[in-house]
Structures are given as structure tokens and as C-alpha cells.
Amino acid sequence: MDANQIPIGQKVVVADTSYIKSTFTRVNEQDGLVEYFHPTNGTVVLKAKVGIYSGDTDIQYVDQDFWTVRVNGRPIAPGEQARGNMKINAEARTIDVTIN
């Protein structure tokens, strides 16, 4: 998927597997919204704002019962906000955030 080719306001399904469903919505020229949904009950388990050109990711909501979140290799602290490059492994239910 080439996010900068998606029209503003359009939503596309990025993944629909037995372990996750995810969508991408272009919200403006610079940003998109990525949402991940629980595979069995459809609830949102992750919501993140993504910089289309910068690649920066700002996690807005994460279900910590569903995901294991690490920031620069360590577990995320309670209440900590993480903004940086994000690598998601939906099958393993891990999110690794690298903050420069």
C-alpha cells in the first residue's frame, strides 16, 4: 500500500487475517490513522496516527491485554506515551517502538 496515493478521507483494509484486521484512513495531506481490530470480537486493539511522509507513529490507544509493547527494547512504562517508528507483529501480538 502506498499511503500517499490514498485520497484524503478514504479508508482501506490493510489486513484481514485469522489473527488481526487492520485499516488505514487518510485523514489529511500529512497523516493517516491506522486501526487494528481483535480478530474474534472486532474491538479496537490499536489506534495510531502515522506520518505519511515522516513515518513517525503516535500511538493513540493500545489494548495492553492484547499487545506486548516495547520502547527501545524495554517494556513500556504505565502511562508512558511512545512516539517514533513502530514495528508491529500482529501474529505474535508485539509492538516495538523505536524513539530516536
Protein backbone atom coordinates (compact mmCIF):
# COMPACT_ATOMS: atom_id res chain seq x y z
CA MET A 1 0.00 0.00 0.00
CA ASP A 2 1.31 3.44 -0.92
CA ALA A 3 -0.31 5.73 1.66
CA ASN A 4 0.41 8.94 -0.24
CA GLN A 5 -1.72 7.65 -3.14
CA ILE A 6 -4.83 7.19 -0.99
CA PRO A 7 -7.28 10.12 -1.23
CA ILE A 8 -7.98 12.13 1.93
CA GLY A 9 -10.97 10.65 3.75
CA GLN A 10 -10.68 7.20 2.18
CA LYS A 11 -10.37 4.05 4.32
CA VAL A 12 -8.72 0.86 3.04
CA VAL A 13 -8.39 -2.59 4.57
CA VAL A 14 -4.70 -3.34 5.08
CA ALA A 15 -5.01 -6.82 6.58
CA ASP A 16 -7.81 -9.26 7.27
CA THR A 17 -6.42 -12.48 8.70
CA SER A 18 -7.30 -15.02 11.37
CA TYR A 19 -5.15 -13.11 13.90
CA ILE A 20 -5.86 -9.42 13.04
CA LYS A 21 -7.81 -6.99 10.88
CA SER A 22 -6.39 -3.54 10.17
CA THR A 23 -7.47 -0.46 8.27
CA PHE A 24 -5.79 2.75 7.14
CA THR A 25 -7.66 6.04 6.77
CA ARG A 26 -6.04 9.08 5.14
CA VAL A 27 -7.03 11.96 7.43
CA ASN A 28 -5.12 14.82 5.78
CA GLU A 29 -2.19 15.50 3.45
CA GLN A 30 0.40 14.54 6.07
CA ASP A 31 -1.27 11.91 8.28
CA GLY A 32 -3.16 8.68 8.33
CA LEU A 33 -4.98 6.72 11.02
CA VAL A 34 -4.23 3.03 11.42
CA GLU A 35 -6.64 0.87 13.40
CA TYR A 36 -6.19 -2.78 14.36
CA PHE A 37 -9.18 -4.88 15.40
CA HIS A 38 -9.44 -8.03 17.55
CA PRO A 39 -9.89 -10.99 15.21
CA THR A 40 -12.81 -12.57 17.08
CA ASN A 41 -14.84 -9.74 18.62
CA GLY A 42 -13.93 -6.78 16.35
CA THR A 43 -12.99 -4.36 19.13
CA VAL A 44 -10.21 -1.83 18.50
CA VAL A 45 -6.92 -3.08 19.97
CA LEU A 46 -4.65 -0.42 18.49
CA LYS A 47 -5.14 3.06 17.06
CA ALA A 48 -2.20 5.11 15.80
CA LYS A 49 -1.63 8.30 13.85
CA VAL A 50 1.01 7.75 11.18
CA GLY A 51 3.03 10.39 9.37
CA ILE A 52 2.69 9.52 5.69
CA TYR A 53 6.00 11.08 4.72
CA SER A 54 7.86 11.08 8.05
CA GLY A 55 6.99 7.52 9.09
CA ASP A 56 6.54 8.71 12.68
CA THR A 57 3.86 6.87 14.61
CA ASP A 58 1.90 8.30 17.52
CA ILE A 59 0.04 5.56 19.40
CA GLN A 60 -3.33 6.94 20.48
CA TYR A 61 -4.74 3.75 22.00
CA VAL A 62 -3.30 0.32 22.69
CA ASP A 63 -5.01 -2.62 24.39
CA GLN A 64 -2.18 -3.84 26.62
CA ASP A 65 -4.05 -7.07 27.33
CA PHE A 66 -3.80 -7.87 23.61
CA TRP A 67 -0.32 -6.48 22.80
CA THR A 68 3.15 -6.64 24.34
CA VAL A 69 4.61 -3.15 23.83
CA ARG A 70 8.33 -2.36 23.99
CA VAL A 71 10.01 1.04 23.65
CA ASN A 72 13.64 0.92 22.54
CA GLY A 73 13.72 -2.74 23.63
CA ARG A 74 12.26 -2.33 27.12
CA PRO A 75 8.66 -2.80 28.30
CA ILE A 76 6.58 0.35 28.05
CA ALA A 77 6.02 2.03 31.42
CA PRO A 78 2.49 2.51 32.77
CA GLY A 79 1.08 5.74 31.37
CA GLU A 80 4.09 6.27 29.09
CA GLN A 81 3.39 7.67 25.65
CA ALA A 82 5.53 6.43 22.80
CA ARG A 83 6.05 8.32 19.56
CA GLY A 84 8.51 7.07 16.98
CA ASN A 85 8.93 4.35 14.40
CA MET A 86 6.72 1.38 15.13
CA LYS A 87 7.09 -2.24 14.08
CA ILE A 88 4.02 -4.42 14.59
CA ASN A 89 3.95 -8.20 14.57
CA ALA A 90 0.23 -8.95 14.67
CA GLU A 91 0.65 -12.72 14.78
CA ALA A 92 2.96 -12.52 17.82
CA ARG A 93 0.95 -9.56 19.20
CA THR A 94 4.03 -7.40 19.73
CA ILE A 95 4.66 -3.70 19.10
CA ASP A 96 8.23 -2.42 19.09
CA VAL A 97 8.61 1.37 19.14
CA THR A 98 11.96 2.99 18.39
CA ILE A 99 12.36 6.55 19.60
CA ASN A 100 15.30 8.42 18.15
